Amino acid sequence: MPRFALKVEYHGKPFAGWQRQKDQPSVQGAIEAALARIEPGEHTIAAAGRTDTGVHGLGQVAHCDLEKNWDPFRLSEALNYHLKPAPVAIVDAALVDDEWHARFSAVERQYLFRILMRRAPATHDEGQVWQIKHDLDVAAMQAGANMLLGNHDFTTFRSSICQAASPVKTLDELRVERVQGLSGPEVHFHVRARSFLHNQVRSFVGTLERVGTGAWSPEDVKHALEAKDRAACGPVCPGHGLYLARVGYPDPVFLATGCKLG
């Protein structure tokens, strides 16, 4: 059975997360249903990461095993046809080795979090940003973020229902920048590591937002980290500002442009 890697983009608002749910819509469930339309039968796909309710995907990666040796472009076209009208798109597909695994072969995950700073309600960006009505001190937030870089016990920033075997992770990047978005000024958080704990990124952002308002100092982030206590964490921010932006592998997987026309 040939194995295919799928690069997946989705809007998380209508879904109860990536993982298949018995009575709720999920991204995994939508793709598996589309696969059943092109090859009848049950399908189970595996993904690089399980995003939560409302979280978006820009560069999620999954793999599936099929009976037919599909042309990757035709496979993506067929799946996109059957995915409509769900806000899910297969932006690229590639044939991979049988041993290749979307989750276990990955060596890096990158997340983007967006905060929109404006008082008027968001319209075009509603459901895609965390909107706050005050300005944030980006320099102070970056100083706080720097306290989190490296290898640490991240118990403070780990959900109480996290199933990871260990709270120890290595954070390679946590970069904070101010940008001018189409709807107003935004703060973007670029977060990169081999793997993450449940709610880790949202816990980082919620804590750093407190630094940006002046309620916390950058040193308070260090103290929270050293406490190794969930109670020391700042608020956990909502999921709808979070995007799984990219998954890295030792060798390039998607060599096509993903945008063939005609």
C-alpha atoms as a PDB file:
ATOM      1  CA  MET A   1       0.000   0.000   0.000  1.00  0.00           C
ATOM      2  CA  PRO A   2       1.587   3.304  -1.035  1.00  0.00           C
ATOM      3  CA  ARG A   3       1.921   5.915   1.701  1.00  0.00           C
ATOM      4  CA  PHE A   4       1.246   9.582   1.027  1.00  0.00           C
ATOM      5  CA  ALA A   5       2.167  12.675   3.029  1.00  0.00           C
ATOM      6  CA  LEU A   6      -0.431  15.446   3.020  1.00  0.00           C
ATOM      7  CA  LYS A   7       0.202  19.111   3.790  1.00  0.00           C
ATOM      8  CA  VAL A   8      -3.004  20.410   5.319  1.00  0.00           C
ATOM      9  CA  GLU A   9      -4.410  23.896   5.833  1.00  0.00           C
ATOM     10  CA  TYR A  10      -7.570  24.471   7.866  1.00  0.00           C
ATOM     11  CA  HIS A  11      -9.636  27.020   9.726  1.00  0.00           C
ATOM     12  CA  GLY A  12     -10.183  25.630  13.200  1.00  0.00           C
ATOM     13  CA  LYS A  13     -13.393  27.462  14.127  1.00  0.00           C
ATOM     14  CA  PRO A  14     -15.945  24.768  13.175  1.00  0.00           C
ATOM     15  CA  PHE A  15     -13.913  21.889  14.589  1.00  0.00           C
ATOM     16  CA  ALA A  16     -13.455  20.341  18.025  1.00  0.00           C
ATOM     17  CA  GLY A  17      -9.750  20.071  17.215  1.00  0.00           C
ATOM     18  CA  TRP A  18      -7.735  17.851  14.897  1.00  0.00           C
ATOM     19  CA  GLN A  19      -8.438  14.469  16.516  1.00  0.00           C
ATOM     20  CA  ARG A  20     -11.413  12.407  15.419  1.00  0.00           C
ATOM     21  CA  GLN A  21     -14.401  12.814  17.757  1.00  0.00           C
ATOM     22  CA  LYS A  22     -17.388  10.515  18.055  1.00  0.00           C
ATOM     23  CA  ASP A  23     -20.079  13.199  18.121  1.00  0.00           C
ATOM     24  CA  GLN A  24     -18.241  16.382  17.086  1.00  0.00           C
ATOM     25  CA  PRO A  25     -16.665  17.584  13.841  1.00  0.00           C
ATOM     26  CA  SER A  26     -12.884  17.261  13.565  1.00  0.00           C
ATOM     27  CA  VAL A  27     -10.272  17.939  10.905  1.00  0.00           C
ATOM     28  CA  GLN A  28      -9.096  14.326  10.982  1.00  0.00           C
ATOM     29  CA  GLY A  29     -12.664  13.109  10.568  1.00  0.00           C
ATOM     30  CA  ALA A  30     -13.256  15.398   7.584  1.00  0.00           C
ATOM     31  CA  ILE A  31     -10.146  14.136   5.756  1.00  0.00           C
ATOM     32  CA  GLU A  32     -10.865  10.492   6.535  1.00  0.00           C
ATOM     33  CA  ALA A  33     -14.405  10.914   5.189  1.00  0.00           C
ATOM     34  CA  ALA A  34     -12.983  12.421   1.985  1.00  0.00           C
ATOM     35  CA  LEU A  35     -10.560   9.499   1.668  1.00  0.00           C
ATOM     36  CA  ALA A  36     -13.489   7.095   1.952  1.00  0.00           C
ATOM     37  CA  ARG A  37     -15.107   8.830  -1.020  1.00  0.00           C
ATOM     38  CA  ILE A  38     -12.125   8.155  -3.291  1.00  0.00           C
ATOM     39  CA  GLU A  39     -11.291   4.685  -1.892  1.00  0.00           C
ATOM     40  CA  PRO A  40     -14.296   3.083  -0.136  1.00  0.00           C
ATOM     41  CA  GLY A  41     -13.594   1.661   3.304  1.00  0.00           C
ATOM     42  CA  GLU A  42     -12.273   2.847   6.648  1.00  0.00           C
ATOM     43  CA  HIS A  43      -9.265   5.157   6.739  1.00  0.00           C
ATOM     44  CA  THR A  44      -7.075   6.251   9.642  1.00  0.00           C
ATOM     45  CA  ILE A  45      -4.586   9.050   9.161  1.00  0.00           C
ATOM     46  CA  ALA A  46      -1.799  10.180  11.478  1.00  0.00           C
ATOM     47  CA  ALA A  47      -0.766  13.810  11.970  1.00  0.00           C
ATOM     48  CA  ALA A  48       2.336  15.640  13.140  1.00  0.00           C
ATOM     49  CA  GLY A  49       0.381  17.319  15.930  1.00  0.00           C
ATOM     50  CA  ARG A  50      -3.093  17.275  17.466  1.00  0.00           C
ATOM     51  CA  THR A  51      -4.368  20.840  17.520  1.00  0.00           C
ATOM     52  CA  ASP A  52      -7.094  21.812  19.994  1.00  0.00           C
ATOM     53  CA  THR A  53     -10.563  23.257  19.456  1.00  0.00           C
ATOM     54  CA  GLY A  54     -10.439  26.422  17.355  1.00  0.00           C
ATOM     55  CA  VAL A  55      -6.713  26.155  16.543  1.00  0.00           C
ATOM     56  CA  HIS A  56      -5.792  26.618  12.888  1.00  0.00           C
ATOM     57  CA  GLY A  57      -3.411  24.841  10.552  1.00  0.00           C
ATOM     58  CA  LEU A  58      -1.186  26.469   7.961  1.00  0.00           C
ATOM     59  CA  GLY A  59       1.304  23.638   7.544  1.00  0.00           C
ATOM     60  CA  GLN A  60      -0.084  20.616   9.360  1.00  0.00           C
ATOM     61  CA  VAL A  61       1.247  17.333   7.978  1.00  0.00           C
ATOM     62  CA  ALA A  62      -0.507  13.969   7.963  1.00  0.00           C
ATOM     63  CA  HIS A  63      -0.009  10.649   6.209  1.00  0.00           C
ATOM     64  CA  CYS A  64      -2.346   8.018   4.823  1.00  0.00           C
ATOM     65  CA  ASP A  65      -2.008   4.555   3.254  1.00  0.00           C
ATOM     66  CA  LEU A  66      -4.013   3.912   0.088  1.00  0.00           C
ATOM     67  CA  GLU A  67      -4.638   1.001  -2.283  1.00  0.00           C
ATOM     68  CA  LYS A  68      -4.113   2.952  -5.495  1.00  0.00           C
ATOM     69  CA  ASN A  69      -0.791   4.466  -6.511  1.00  0.00           C
ATOM     70  CA  TRP A  70      -2.189   7.951  -6.967  1.00  0.00           C
ATOM     71  CA  ASP A  71      -0.445  10.794  -8.713  1.00  0.00           C
ATOM     72  CA  PRO A  72       0.078  13.125  -5.708  1.00  0.00           C
ATOM     73  CA  PHE A  73      -1.411  16.147  -7.466  1.00  0.00           C
ATOM     74  CA  ARG A  74      -4.508  14.175  -8.523  1.00  0.00           C
ATOM     75  CA  LEU A  75      -4.848  12.889  -4.973  1.00  0.00           C
ATOM     76  CA  SER A  76      -4.857  16.402  -3.539  1.00  0.00           C
ATOM     77  CA  GLU A  77      -7.382  17.544  -6.163  1.00  0.00           C
ATOM     78  CA  ALA A  78      -9.702  14.615  -5.435  1.00  0.00           C
ATOM     79  CA  LEU A  79      -9.554  15.147  -1.688  1.00  0.00           C
ATOM     80  CA  ASN A  80     -10.174  18.870  -1.988  1.00  0.00           C
ATOM     81  CA  TYR A  81     -13.260  18.171  -4.112  1.00  0.00           C
ATOM     82  CA  HIS A  82     -14.722  15.900  -1.451  1.00  0.00           C
ATOM     83  CA  LEU A  83     -13.685  18.114   1.464  1.00  0.00           C
ATOM     84  CA  LYS A  84     -15.963  20.942   0.303  1.00  0.00           C
ATOM     85  CA  PRO A  85     -17.511  22.905   1.968  1.00  0.00           C
ATOM     86  CA  ALA A  86     -15.398  22.238   5.084  1.00  0.00           C
ATOM     87  CA  PRO A  87     -12.635  24.857   5.564  1.00  0.00           C
ATOM     88  CA  VAL A  88      -9.914  22.241   5.002  1.00  0.00           C
ATOM     89  CA  ALA A  89      -7.503  22.100   2.058  1.00  0.00           C
ATOM     90  CA  ILE A  90      -4.797  19.684   0.977  1.00  0.00           C
ATOM     91  CA  VAL A  91      -2.231  22.152  -0.327  1.00  0.00           C
ATOM     92  CA  ASP A  92       0.344  19.518  -1.293  1.00  0.00           C
ATOM     93  CA  ALA A  93       0.809  15.744  -1.378  1.00  0.00           C
ATOM     94  CA  ALA A  94       3.822  13.500  -1.816  1.00  0.00           C
ATOM     95  CA  LEU A  95       4.608   9.799  -2.049  1.00  0.00           C
ATOM     96  CA  VAL A  96       6.798   8.739   0.898  1.00  0.00           C
ATOM     97  CA  ASP A  97       8.487   5.565   2.139  1.00  0.00           C
ATOM     98  CA  ASP A  98       6.447   3.032   4.092  1.00  0.00           C
ATOM     99  CA  GLU A  99       8.522   3.764   7.210  1.00  0.00           C
ATOM    100  CA  TRP A 100       7.932   7.515   7.053  1.00  0.00           C
ATOM    101  CA  HIS A 101       5.574   8.833   9.760  1.00  0.00           C
ATOM    102  CA  ALA A 102       4.047  12.303   9.947  1.00  0.00           C
ATOM    103  CA  ARG A 103       4.510  12.461  13.723  1.00  0.00           C
ATOM    104  CA  PHE A 104       7.520  10.319  14.546  1.00  0.00           C
ATOM    105  CA  SER A 105       9.672  11.391  11.582  1.00  0.00           C
ATOM    106  CA  ALA A 106       9.243  15.090  12.434  1.00  0.00           C
ATOM    107  CA  VAL A 107      12.181  16.902  14.007  1.00  0.00           C
ATOM    108  CA  GLU A 108      10.605  20.334  14.491  1.00  0.00           C
ATOM    109  CA  ARG A 109       7.262  22.074  14.892  1.00  0.00           C
ATOM    110  CA  GLN A 110       6.664  25.789  14.470  1.00  0.00           C
ATOM    111  CA  TYR A 111       3.657  27.688  15.779  1.00  0.00           C
ATOM    112  CA  LEU A 112       2.419  31.212  15.144  1.00  0.00           C
ATOM    113  CA  PHE A 113       0.184  33.098  17.567  1.00  0.00           C
ATOM    114  CA  ARG A 114      -1.545  36.344  16.583  1.00  0.00           C
ATOM    115  CA  ILE A 115      -2.822  39.078  18.923  1.00  0.00           C
ATOM    116  CA  LEU A 116      -4.802  41.947  17.397  1.00  0.00           C
ATOM    117  CA  MET A 117      -4.636  45.200  19.371  1.00  0.00           C
ATOM    118  CA  ARG A 118      -7.665  47.406  18.676  1.00  0.00           C
ATOM    119  CA  ARG A 119     -10.849  48.455  20.402  1.00  0.00           C
ATOM    120  CA  ALA A 120     -13.298  48.039  17.500  1.00  0.00           C
ATOM    121  CA  PRO A 121     -14.563  44.458  17.089  1.00  0.00           C
ATOM    122  CA  ALA A 122     -12.662  42.346  14.599  1.00  0.00           C
ATOM    123  CA  THR A 123     -14.614  41.571  11.445  1.00  0.00           C
ATOM    124  CA  HIS A 124     -12.412  39.957   8.790  1.00  0.00           C
ATOM    125  CA  ASP A 125     -10.085  38.508  11.449  1.00  0.00           C
ATOM    126  CA  GLU A 126     -12.798  37.360  13.840  1.00  0.00           C
ATOM    127  CA  GLY A 127     -12.010  33.845  15.000  1.00  0.00           C
ATOM    128  CA  GLN A 128      -8.434  34.057  13.694  1.00  0.00           C
ATOM    129  CA  VAL A 129      -6.810  36.323  16.288  1.00  0.00           C
ATOM    130  CA  TRP A 130      -6.927  36.920  20.017  1.00  0.00           C
ATOM    131  CA  GLN A 131      -8.219  40.465  20.201  1.00  0.00           C
ATOM    132  CA  ILE A 132      -7.280  42.725  23.101  1.00  0.00           C
ATOM    133  CA  LYS A 133      -8.125  46.415  23.537  1.00  0.00           C
ATOM    134  CA  HIS A 134      -4.802  47.682  24.887  1.00  0.00           C
ATOM    135  CA  ASP A 135      -1.282  48.145  23.584  1.00  0.00           C
ATOM    136  CA  LEU A 136       1.512  45.769  24.569  1.00  0.00           C
ATOM    137  CA  ASP A 137       5.187  46.359  25.317  1.00  0.00           C
ATOM    138  CA  VAL A 138       6.866  44.015  22.825  1.00  0.00           C
ATOM    139  CA  ALA A 139      10.382  44.594  24.197  1.00  0.00           C
ATOM    140  CA  ALA A 140       9.285  43.559  27.695  1.00  0.00           C
ATOM    141  CA  MET A 141       7.525  40.476  26.316  1.00  0.00           C
ATOM    142  CA  GLN A 142      10.661  39.471  24.404  1.00  0.00           C
ATOM    143  CA  ALA A 143      12.703  39.855  27.590  1.00  0.00           C
ATOM    144  CA  GLY A 144      10.260  37.557  29.349  1.00  0.00           C
ATOM    145  CA  ALA A 145      10.266  35.117  26.418  1.00  0.00           C
ATOM    146  CA  ASN A 146      14.042  34.867  26.608  1.00  0.00           C
ATOM    147  CA  MET A 147      13.686  33.413  30.092  1.00  0.00           C
ATOM    148  CA  LEU A 148      11.967  30.385  28.565  1.00  0.00           C
ATOM    149  CA  LEU A 149      14.503  29.487  25.878  1.00  0.00           C
ATOM    150  CA  GLY A 150      16.501  26.288  26.227  1.00  0.00           C
ATOM    151  CA  ASN A 151      15.951  23.001  28.031  1.00  0.00           C
ATOM    152  CA  HIS A 152      13.661  23.259  31.061  1.00  0.00           C
ATOM    153  CA  ASP A 153      11.057  21.522  33.144  1.00  0.00           C
ATOM    154  CA  PHE A 154       7.944  23.269  31.795  1.00  0.00           C
ATOM    155  CA  THR A 155       5.480  21.937  34.380  1.00  0.00           C
ATOM    156  CA  THR A 156       4.220  25.499  34.988  1.00  0.00           C
ATOM    157  CA  PHE A 157       3.212  25.827  31.334  1.00  0.00           C
ATOM    158  CA  ARG A 158       1.719  22.361  30.941  1.00  0.00           C
ATOM    159  CA  SER A 159      -1.983  21.514  30.979  1.00  0.00           C
ATOM    160  CA  SER A 160      -3.172  19.400  33.881  1.00  0.00           C
ATOM    161  CA  ILE A 161      -4.471  16.848  31.358  1.00  0.00           C
ATOM    162  CA  CYS A 162      -1.209  16.689  29.374  1.00  0.00           C
ATOM    163  CA  GLN A 163      -0.281  13.079  28.594  1.00  0.00           C
ATOM    164  CA  ALA A 164       3.407  13.647  27.793  1.00  0.00           C
ATOM    165  CA  ALA A 165       5.757  11.321  29.668  1.00  0.00           C
ATOM    166  CA  SER A 166       7.971  14.203  30.830  1.00  0.00           C
ATOM    167  CA  PRO A 167       7.533  17.977  31.285  1.00  0.00           C
ATOM    168  CA  VAL A 168      11.124  18.545  30.136  1.00  0.00           C
ATOM    169  CA  LYS A 169      11.347  20.095  26.662  1.00  0.00           C
ATOM    170  CA  THR A 170      13.820  22.211  24.710  1.00  0.00           C
ATOM    171  CA  LEU A 171      12.447  25.501  23.395  1.00  0.00           C
ATOM    172  CA  ASP A 172      14.507  26.634  20.384  1.00  0.00           C
ATOM    173  CA  GLU A 173      12.746  29.900  19.541  1.00  0.00           C
ATOM    174  CA  LEU A 174      10.194  32.244  21.107  1.00  0.00           C
ATOM    175  CA  ARG A 175      10.312  35.434  19.091  1.00  0.00           C
ATOM    176  CA  VAL A 176       7.900  38.320  19.668  1.00  0.00           C
ATOM    177  CA  GLU A 177       7.346  40.980  17.018  1.00  0.00           C
ATOM    178  CA  ARG A 178       4.963  43.831  16.346  1.00  0.00           C
ATOM    179  CA  VAL A 179       3.516  43.939  12.818  1.00  0.00           C
ATOM    180  CA  GLN A 180       0.937  46.037  11.029  1.00  0.00           C
ATOM    181  CA  GLY A 181      -1.885  43.725  10.052  1.00  0.00           C
ATOM    182  CA  LEU A 182      -4.728  44.494   7.668  1.00  0.00           C
ATOM    183  CA  SER A 183      -7.081  45.065  10.608  1.00  0.00           C
ATOM    184  CA  GLY A 184      -4.649  46.947  12.837  1.00  0.00           C
ATOM    185  CA  PRO A 185      -1.483  46.473  14.887  1.00  0.00           C
ATOM    186  CA  GLU A 186      -0.703  42.890  15.817  1.00  0.00           C
ATOM    187  CA  VAL A 187       1.797  41.058  17.997  1.00  0.00           C
ATOM    188  CA  HIS A 188       3.076  37.805  16.544  1.00  0.00           C
ATOM    189  CA  PHE A 189       4.711  35.042  18.561  1.00  0.00           C
ATOM    190  CA  HIS A 190       6.944  32.644  16.601  1.00  0.00           C
ATOM    191  CA  VAL A 191       7.521  29.476  18.622  1.00  0.00           C
ATOM    192  CA  ARG A 192       9.743  26.569  17.568  1.00  0.00           C
ATOM    193  CA  ALA A 193      10.727  23.264  19.220  1.00  0.00           C
ATOM    194  CA  ARG A 194      10.977  19.582  18.423  1.00  0.00           C
ATOM    195  CA  SER A 195       7.783  18.927  20.371  1.00  0.00           C
ATOM    196  CA  PHE A 196       5.432  20.663  22.780  1.00  0.00           C
ATOM    197  CA  LEU A 197       3.372  19.938  25.864  1.00  0.00           C
ATOM    198  CA  HIS A 198      -0.398  20.298  25.836  1.00  0.00           C
ATOM    199  CA  ASN A 199      -1.358  24.004  26.014  1.00  0.00           C
ATOM    200  CA  GLN A 200       2.312  25.021  26.237  1.00  0.00           C
ATOM    201  CA  VAL A 201       2.223  27.717  23.550  1.00  0.00           C
ATOM    202  CA  ARG A 202      -1.074  29.178  24.753  1.00  0.00           C
ATOM    203  CA  SER A 203       0.312  29.238  28.309  1.00  0.00           C
ATOM    204  CA  PHE A 204       3.413  31.073  27.093  1.00  0.00           C
ATOM    205  CA  VAL A 205       1.380  33.689  25.238  1.00  0.00           C
ATOM    206  CA  GLY A 206      -1.099  34.263  28.061  1.00  0.00           C
ATOM    207  CA  THR A 207       1.760  34.743  30.507  1.00  0.00           C
ATOM    208  CA  LEU A 208       3.711  37.052  28.205  1.00  0.00           C
ATOM    209  CA  GLU A 209       0.612  39.165  27.588  1.00  0.00           C
ATOM    210  CA  ARG A 210       0.664  39.948  31.315  1.00  0.00           C
ATOM    211  CA  VAL A 211       4.248  41.129  30.864  1.00  0.00           C
ATOM    212  CA  GLY A 212       3.198  43.255  27.900  1.00  0.00           C
ATOM    213  CA  THR A 213       0.607  45.067  29.992  1.00  0.00           C
ATOM    214  CA  GLY A 214       3.069  45.698  32.842  1.00  0.00           C
ATOM    215  CA  ALA A 215       1.193  43.448  35.284  1.00  0.00           C
ATOM    216  CA  TRP A 216       4.204  41.105  35.296  1.00  0.00           C
ATOM    217  CA  SER A 217       7.891  41.843  34.950  1.00  0.00           C
ATOM    218  CA  PRO A 218      10.124  39.744  32.664  1.00  0.00           C
ATOM    219  CA  GLU A 219      11.737  38.314  35.809  1.00  0.00           C
ATOM    220  CA  ASP A 220       8.312  37.090  36.952  1.00  0.00           C
ATOM    221  CA  VAL A 221       8.323  34.723  33.956  1.00  0.00           C
ATOM    222  CA  LYS A 222      11.574  33.205  35.212  1.00  0.00           C
ATOM    223  CA  HIS A 223      10.131  32.796  38.701  1.00  0.00           C
ATOM    224  CA  ALA A 224       7.022  31.116  37.246  1.00  0.00           C
ATOM    225  CA  LEU A 225       9.187  28.703  35.249  1.00  0.00           C
ATOM    226  CA  GLU A 226      11.298  27.848  38.292  1.00  0.00           C
ATOM    227  CA  ALA A 227       8.188  27.240  40.416  1.00  0.00           C
ATOM    228  CA  LYS A 228       7.328  24.115  38.373  1.00  0.00           C
ATOM    229  CA  ASP A 229       3.748  24.663  39.472  1.00  0.00           C
ATOM    230  CA  ARG A 230       0.750  25.093  37.155  1.00  0.00           C
ATOM    231  CA  ALA A 231      -0.714  27.626  39.602  1.00  0.00           C
ATOM    232  CA  ALA A 232       2.227  29.948  38.854  1.00  0.00           C
ATOM    233  CA  CYS A 233       1.271  30.238  35.171  1.00  0.00           C
ATOM    234  CA  GLY A 234      -0.460  33.283  33.764  1.00  0.00           C
ATOM    235  CA  PRO A 235      -3.849  32.973  32.026  1.00  0.00           C
ATOM    236  CA  VAL A 236      -4.077  30.490  29.152  1.00  0.00           C
ATOM    237  CA  CYS A 237      -5.037  32.452  26.055  1.00  0.00           C
ATOM    238  CA  PRO A 238      -7.793  31.300  23.650  1.00  0.00           C
ATOM    239  CA  GLY A 239      -7.000  28.845  20.893  1.00  0.00           C
ATOM    240  CA  HIS A 240      -8.323  30.824  17.932  1.00  0.00           C
ATOM    241  CA  GLY A 241      -5.162  32.959  17.659  1.00  0.00           C
ATOM    242  CA  LEU A 242      -2.926  29.887  17.312  1.00  0.00           C
ATOM    243  CA  TYR A 243      -1.668  28.324  14.072  1.00  0.00           C
ATOM    244  CA  LEU A 244       0.416  25.206  13.473  1.00  0.00           C
ATOM    245  CA  ALA A 245       2.602  26.917  10.895  1.00  0.00           C
ATOM    246  CA  ARG A 246       5.197  24.353   9.836  1.00  0.00           C
ATOM    247  CA  VAL A 247       6.491  20.853  10.517  1.00  0.00           C
ATOM    248  CA  GLY A 248      10.147  20.103   9.783  1.00  0.00           C
ATOM    249  CA  TYR A 249      11.641  16.780   8.654  1.00  0.00           C
ATOM    250  CA  PRO A 250      15.252  15.656   8.114  1.00  0.00           C
ATOM    251  CA  ASP A 251      14.701  15.598   4.347  1.00  0.00           C
ATOM    252  CA  PRO A 252      12.299  17.726   2.281  1.00  0.00           C
ATOM    253  CA  VAL A 253       8.930  16.032   1.814  1.00  0.00           C
ATOM    254  CA  PHE A 254       6.963  18.336  -0.441  1.00  0.00           C
ATOM    255  CA  LEU A 255       8.975  19.147  -3.550  1.00  0.00           C
ATOM    256  CA  ALA A 256       6.083  20.403  -5.670  1.00  0.00           C
ATOM    257  CA  THR A 257       4.743  23.933  -5.477  1.00  0.00           C
ATOM    258  CA  GLY A 258       1.295  22.742  -4.460  1.00  0.00           C
ATOM    259  CA  CYS A 259      -0.297  25.319  -6.782  1.00  0.00           C
ATOM    260  CA  LYS A 260      -0.389  23.758 -10.250  1.00  0.00           C
ATOM    261  CA  LEU A 261      -2.803  25.505 -12.561  1.00  0.00           C
ATOM    262  CA  GLY A 262      -4.441  24.343 -15.752  1.00  0.00           C
END
